[in-house]
Structure formats: structure tokens, C-alpha cells
């Protein structure tokens, strides 16, 4: 296990449990993104209905190694993986706040 950290501030996501992602793996989209707002966590699942009181645990804790990243213009993207030491998913738009354009 690495010292990397995946921090999720998308508190209205059903996979969020105390700011930890419990989806098992996540998928960041934004193949032509040049800014953060053009990325999105497609694993995001809104808990807007209120049926969920805790996270949906599909695959357990999500490690940064379990990120599929299609933000090809991001400096942290390497072969569809993420090399960032810390990753943050936005609370309102489910965008990848760690995104940094090459």
C-alpha cells in the first residue's frame, strides 16, 4: 500500500464515506480537458434522493492506483493512470481538482 491519498469532498456522492471513496475504483473523464471544470469523475453517484445513509461499498477503499484517467492533457496522467501523490474530487461538480494541464 502506498502513501498516496484519494480525498473526496463530493459529500453528496453515495460512494463517499467520511471523505474516503468506497467505489473500489474511479474513472476520470475529460480526454480533451485543459482545465479542471472539463474533467469529471464518472463513478460519481448522487445521493440526492436520500435513500443512502452511508456509502455504497462496491469495491472497498479506493486507492489512487485504482484511478482510470482519461484526462490526457494532465501532467499526472501516465498510461491512463494517475501519478499524483494526492487526488481531490470536487464536492459540487465531481471534477478532478488535482488536474493540472501540461
N, C-alpha and C. Protein backbone atom coordinates (compact mmCIF):
# COMPACT_ATOMS: atom_id res chain seq x y z
N UNK A 1 0.85 -1.18 0.00
CA UNK A 1 0.00 0.00 0.00
C UNK A 1 0.89 1.24 0.00
N UNK A 2 0.52 2.21 -0.80
CA UNK A 2 1.33 3.42 -0.93
C UNK A 2 0.88 4.49 0.07
N UNK A 3 1.64 5.58 0.10
CA UNK A 3 1.28 6.71 0.94
C UNK A 3 0.40 7.70 0.21
N UNK A 4 -0.04 7.36 -0.99
CA UNK A 4 -0.91 8.23 -1.76
C UNK A 4 -2.26 8.33 -1.08
N UNK A 5 -2.96 9.43 -1.33
CA UNK A 5 -4.26 9.65 -0.71
C UNK A 5 -5.27 10.11 -1.75
N UNK A 6 -6.41 9.48 -1.78
CA UNK A 6 -7.53 9.91 -2.60
C UNK A 6 -8.53 10.57 -1.65
N UNK A 7 -8.71 11.87 -1.81
CA UNK A 7 -9.61 12.62 -0.95
C UNK A 7 -10.83 13.01 -1.76
N UNK A 8 -12.00 12.67 -1.28
CA UNK A 8 -13.23 13.00 -1.98
C UNK A 8 -14.06 13.97 -1.14
N UNK A 9 -14.23 15.18 -1.66
CA UNK A 9 -15.06 16.15 -0.95
C UNK A 9 -16.47 16.18 -1.54
N UNK A 10 -16.77 15.25 -2.44
CA UNK A 10 -18.12 15.17 -3.02
C UNK A 10 -19.02 14.46 -2.01
N UNK A 11 -19.40 15.19 -0.97
CA UNK A 11 -20.13 14.60 0.15
C UNK A 11 -21.53 14.12 -0.24
N UNK A 12 -22.02 14.57 -1.38
CA UNK A 12 -23.33 14.11 -1.83
C UNK A 12 -23.21 12.90 -2.76
N UNK A 13 -22.01 12.32 -2.85
CA UNK A 13 -21.83 11.10 -3.64
C UNK A 13 -22.09 9.90 -2.74
N UNK A 14 -22.82 8.93 -3.26
CA UNK A 14 -23.16 7.75 -2.48
C UNK A 14 -21.95 6.89 -2.14
N UNK A 15 -20.84 7.06 -2.87
CA UNK A 15 -19.62 6.29 -2.59
C UNK A 15 -18.75 6.94 -1.52
N UNK A 16 -19.11 8.16 -1.09
CA UNK A 16 -18.30 8.91 -0.14
C UNK A 16 -18.62 8.46 1.29
N UNK A 17 -17.58 8.09 2.00
CA UNK A 17 -17.73 7.70 3.40
C UNK A 17 -16.65 8.43 4.19
N UNK A 18 -17.03 9.47 4.90
CA UNK A 18 -16.07 10.29 5.68
C UNK A 18 -14.92 10.79 4.81
N UNK A 19 -15.25 11.26 3.61
CA UNK A 19 -14.31 11.80 2.63
C UNK A 19 -13.39 10.75 2.01
N UNK A 20 -13.67 9.49 2.22
CA UNK A 20 -12.97 8.41 1.54
C UNK A 20 -13.91 7.82 0.50
N UNK A 21 -13.33 7.47 -0.63
CA UNK A 21 -14.13 6.86 -1.70
C UNK A 21 -14.19 5.36 -1.49
N UNK A 22 -15.40 4.80 -1.52
CA UNK A 22 -15.60 3.37 -1.34
C UNK A 22 -16.11 2.72 -2.62
N UNK A 23 -15.79 3.30 -3.76
CA UNK A 23 -16.24 2.73 -5.03
C UNK A 23 -15.34 1.59 -5.50
N UNK A 24 -14.15 1.48 -4.92
CA UNK A 24 -13.20 0.46 -5.34
C UNK A 24 -12.25 0.98 -6.41
N UNK A 25 -12.81 1.60 -7.42
CA UNK A 25 -12.02 2.27 -8.46
C UNK A 25 -12.86 3.41 -9.01
N UNK A 26 -12.18 4.41 -9.56
CA UNK A 26 -12.91 5.52 -10.15
C UNK A 26 -12.38 5.79 -11.55
N UNK A 27 -13.20 6.47 -12.32
CA UNK A 27 -12.90 6.77 -13.71
C UNK A 27 -13.01 8.28 -13.91
N UNK A 28 -11.89 8.92 -14.24
CA UNK A 28 -11.88 10.35 -14.50
C UNK A 28 -11.95 10.56 -16.01
N UNK A 29 -12.93 11.33 -16.44
CA UNK A 29 -13.08 11.63 -17.87
C UNK A 29 -12.70 13.07 -18.14
N UNK A 30 -12.41 13.34 -19.38
CA UNK A 30 -12.01 14.67 -19.81
C UNK A 30 -10.88 14.56 -20.80
N UNK A 31 -11.07 13.73 -21.83
CA UNK A 31 -9.98 13.43 -22.74
C UNK A 31 -9.38 14.64 -23.44
N UNK A 32 -10.13 15.73 -23.58
CA UNK A 32 -9.56 16.93 -24.19
C UNK A 32 -9.55 18.11 -23.20
N UNK A 33 -9.67 17.81 -21.92
CA UNK A 33 -9.71 18.85 -20.89
C UNK A 33 -8.42 19.66 -20.84
N UNK A 34 -8.58 20.97 -20.67
CA UNK A 34 -7.44 21.85 -20.45
C UNK A 34 -7.60 22.62 -19.14
N UNK A 35 -8.72 22.38 -18.45
CA UNK A 35 -8.94 22.97 -17.13
C UNK A 35 -9.79 22.02 -16.29
N UNK A 36 -9.71 22.21 -15.00
CA UNK A 36 -10.38 21.33 -14.04
C UNK A 36 -11.86 21.12 -14.35
N UNK A 37 -12.55 22.18 -14.68
CA UNK A 37 -14.00 22.09 -14.90
C UNK A 37 -14.37 21.20 -16.08
N UNK A 38 -13.41 20.84 -16.90
CA UNK A 38 -13.67 19.97 -18.05
C UNK A 38 -13.40 18.50 -17.73
N UNK A 39 -13.10 18.21 -16.46
CA UNK A 39 -12.92 16.82 -16.02
C UNK A 39 -14.13 16.42 -15.20
N UNK A 40 -14.33 15.13 -15.06
CA UNK A 40 -15.42 14.65 -14.21
C UNK A 40 -15.12 13.23 -13.73
N UNK A 41 -15.55 12.94 -12.54
CA UNK A 41 -15.46 11.59 -12.00
C UNK A 41 -16.74 10.88 -12.43
N UNK A 42 -16.63 10.00 -13.41
CA UNK A 42 -17.83 9.34 -13.93
C UNK A 42 -18.35 8.25 -12.99
N UNK A 43 -17.61 7.94 -11.95
CA UNK A 43 -18.06 6.98 -10.95
C UNK A 43 -19.00 7.64 -9.96
N UNK A 44 -19.00 8.97 -9.94
CA UNK A 44 -19.85 9.75 -9.05
C UNK A 44 -21.32 9.30 -9.18
N UNK A 45 -21.95 9.09 -8.04
CA UNK A 45 -23.35 8.69 -8.00
C UNK A 45 -24.04 9.55 -6.95
N UNK A 46 -24.88 10.45 -7.40
CA UNK A 46 -25.52 11.40 -6.48
C UNK A 46 -26.47 10.70 -5.53
N UNK A 47 -26.38 11.06 -4.28
CA UNK A 47 -27.29 10.58 -3.25
C UNK A 47 -28.33 11.66 -2.98
N UNK A 48 -28.91 12.18 -4.05
CA UNK A 48 -29.85 13.29 -3.93
C UNK A 48 -31.23 12.87 -3.45
N UNK A 49 -31.52 11.59 -3.55
CA UNK A 49 -32.84 11.12 -3.15
C UNK A 49 -32.92 10.87 -1.65
N UNK A 50 -31.77 10.65 -1.02
CA UNK A 50 -31.75 10.43 0.42
C UNK A 50 -31.94 8.98 0.82
N UNK A 51 -31.86 8.06 -0.12
CA UNK A 51 -32.02 6.64 0.21
C UNK A 51 -30.79 6.07 0.90
N UNK A 52 -29.65 6.70 0.68
CA UNK A 52 -28.41 6.17 1.22
C UNK A 52 -28.01 6.97 2.45
N UNK A 53 -27.72 6.26 3.52
CA UNK A 53 -27.24 6.95 4.71
C UNK A 53 -25.76 6.72 4.91
N UNK A 54 -25.20 5.80 4.17
CA UNK A 54 -23.76 5.58 4.19
C UNK A 54 -23.34 5.19 2.78
N UNK A 55 -22.07 5.04 2.60
CA UNK A 55 -21.52 4.79 1.27
C UNK A 55 -21.95 3.45 0.70
N UNK A 56 -22.03 3.42 -0.63
CA UNK A 56 -22.19 2.16 -1.34
C UNK A 56 -20.79 1.57 -1.43
N UNK A 57 -20.59 0.42 -0.85
CA UNK A 57 -19.25 -0.17 -0.88
C UNK A 57 -19.20 -1.24 -1.96
N UNK A 58 -18.81 -0.82 -3.14
CA UNK A 58 -18.71 -1.74 -4.26
C UNK A 58 -17.42 -2.53 -4.20
N UNK A 59 -16.33 -1.83 -3.97
CA UNK A 59 -15.04 -2.49 -4.01
C UNK A 59 -14.13 -2.12 -2.86
N UNK A 60 -14.66 -1.56 -1.80
CA UNK A 60 -13.83 -1.14 -0.68
C UNK A 60 -13.18 0.20 -0.93
N UNK A 61 -12.18 0.51 -0.12
CA UNK A 61 -11.48 1.79 -0.27
C UNK A 61 -10.86 1.91 -1.65
N UNK A 62 -10.88 3.14 -2.17
CA UNK A 62 -10.30 3.41 -3.48
C UNK A 62 -8.93 4.04 -3.28
N UNK A 63 -7.92 3.42 -3.82
CA UNK A 63 -6.56 3.95 -3.78
C UNK A 63 -6.31 4.70 -5.07
N UNK A 64 -5.42 5.70 -5.05
CA UNK A 64 -5.09 6.41 -6.29
C UNK A 64 -4.60 5.48 -7.41
N UNK A 65 -4.05 4.35 -7.04
CA UNK A 65 -3.62 3.38 -8.05
C UNK A 65 -4.81 2.79 -8.80
N UNK A 66 -6.01 2.95 -8.25
CA UNK A 66 -7.23 2.40 -8.86
C UNK A 66 -8.00 3.46 -9.63
N UNK A 67 -7.29 4.46 -10.15
CA UNK A 67 -7.91 5.51 -10.93
C UNK A 67 -7.61 5.28 -12.40
N UNK A 68 -8.67 5.24 -13.19
CA UNK A 68 -8.53 5.25 -14.64
C UNK A 68 -8.70 6.70 -15.05
N UNK A 69 -7.69 7.26 -15.68
CA UNK A 69 -7.73 8.68 -16.00
C UNK A 69 -7.66 8.89 -17.51
N UNK A 70 -8.69 9.53 -18.05
CA UNK A 70 -8.74 9.86 -19.47
C UNK A 70 -8.47 11.35 -19.71
N UNK A 71 -7.97 12.05 -18.70
CA UNK A 71 -7.60 13.46 -18.87
C UNK A 71 -6.18 13.49 -19.44
N UNK A 72 -6.08 13.26 -20.74
CA UNK A 72 -4.80 13.08 -21.41
C UNK A 72 -3.88 14.29 -21.29
N UNK A 73 -4.44 15.48 -21.11
CA UNK A 73 -3.62 16.69 -21.01
C UNK A 73 -3.12 16.96 -19.60
N UNK A 74 -3.41 16.09 -18.67
CA UNK A 74 -3.00 16.29 -17.28
C UNK A 74 -1.56 15.81 -17.09
N UNK A 75 -0.77 16.58 -16.36
CA UNK A 75 0.62 16.21 -16.11
C UNK A 75 0.74 14.91 -15.31
N UNK A 76 -0.32 14.54 -14.59
CA UNK A 76 -0.28 13.34 -13.76
C UNK A 76 -0.76 12.09 -14.49
N UNK A 77 -1.24 12.24 -15.72
CA UNK A 77 -1.73 11.09 -16.47
C UNK A 77 -0.55 10.34 -17.08
N UNK A 78 -0.45 9.07 -16.76
CA UNK A 78 0.57 8.21 -17.35
C UNK A 78 -0.10 6.89 -17.71
N UNK A 79 -0.23 6.67 -19.00
CA UNK A 79 -0.83 5.42 -19.50
C UNK A 79 -2.19 5.14 -18.86
N UNK A 80 -3.04 6.16 -18.80
CA UNK A 80 -4.40 6.09 -18.24
C UNK A 80 -4.42 5.89 -16.72
N UNK A 81 -3.29 6.10 -16.08
CA UNK A 81 -3.23 6.02 -14.63
C UNK A 81 -2.91 7.40 -14.07
N UNK A 82 -2.96 7.52 -12.76
CA UNK A 82 -2.71 8.80 -12.10
C UNK A 82 -1.45 8.70 -11.25
N UNK A 83 -0.51 9.63 -11.46
CA UNK A 83 0.74 9.62 -10.71
C UNK A 83 0.78 10.66 -9.59
N UNK A 84 -0.30 11.38 -9.39
CA UNK A 84 -0.34 12.40 -8.34
C UNK A 84 -0.24 11.76 -6.96
N UNK A 85 0.41 12.43 -6.04
CA UNK A 85 0.54 11.89 -4.68
C UNK A 85 -0.75 12.04 -3.89
N UNK A 86 -1.56 13.03 -4.24
CA UNK A 86 -2.86 13.24 -3.61
C UNK A 86 -3.86 13.62 -4.69
N UNK A 87 -5.07 13.12 -4.58
CA UNK A 87 -6.11 13.39 -5.56
C UNK A 87 -7.34 13.89 -4.83
N UNK A 88 -7.95 14.96 -5.35
CA UNK A 88 -9.13 15.54 -4.72
C UNK A 88 -10.26 15.66 -5.74
N UNK A 89 -11.41 15.11 -5.40
CA UNK A 89 -12.61 15.21 -6.24
C UNK A 89 -13.50 16.30 -5.66
N UNK A 90 -13.94 17.22 -6.51
CA UNK A 90 -14.72 18.39 -6.12
C UNK A 90 -16.09 18.02 -5.56
N UNK A 91 -16.53 18.77 -4.55
CA UNK A 91 -17.79 18.47 -3.88
C UNK A 91 -19.04 18.81 -4.68
N UNK A 92 -18.96 19.77 -5.59
CA UNK A 92 -20.16 20.19 -6.30
C UNK A 92 -20.26 19.66 -7.72
N UNK A 93 -19.14 19.52 -8.37
CA UNK A 93 -19.18 19.19 -9.80
C UNK A 93 -18.55 17.84 -10.11
N UNK A 94 -18.06 17.15 -9.13
CA UNK A 94 -17.36 15.87 -9.25
C UNK A 94 -16.19 15.96 -10.23
N UNK A 95 -15.58 17.14 -10.33
CA UNK A 95 -14.41 17.31 -11.18
C UNK A 95 -13.15 16.92 -10.40
N UNK A 96 -12.09 16.67 -11.13
CA UNK A 96 -10.82 16.32 -10.50
C UNK A 96 -10.05 17.60 -10.23
N UNK A 97 -10.00 18.01 -8.98
CA UNK A 97 -9.33 19.24 -8.59
C UNK A 97 -7.81 19.13 -8.65
N UNK A 98 -7.31 17.95 -8.82
CA UNK A 98 -5.87 17.73 -8.92
C UNK A 98 -5.37 17.97 -10.33
N UNK A 99 -6.28 18.01 -11.28
CA UNK A 99 -5.92 18.20 -12.69
C UNK A 99 -5.00 19.40 -12.87
N UNK A 100 -3.93 19.20 -13.63
CA UNK A 100 -3.00 20.27 -13.97
C UNK A 100 -2.62 20.07 -15.43
N UNK A 101 -2.93 21.05 -16.26
CA UNK A 101 -2.69 20.93 -17.69
C UNK A 101 -1.19 20.94 -18.00
N UNK A 102 -0.80 20.09 -18.94
CA UNK A 102 0.60 20.03 -19.39
C UNK A 102 1.03 21.33 -20.02
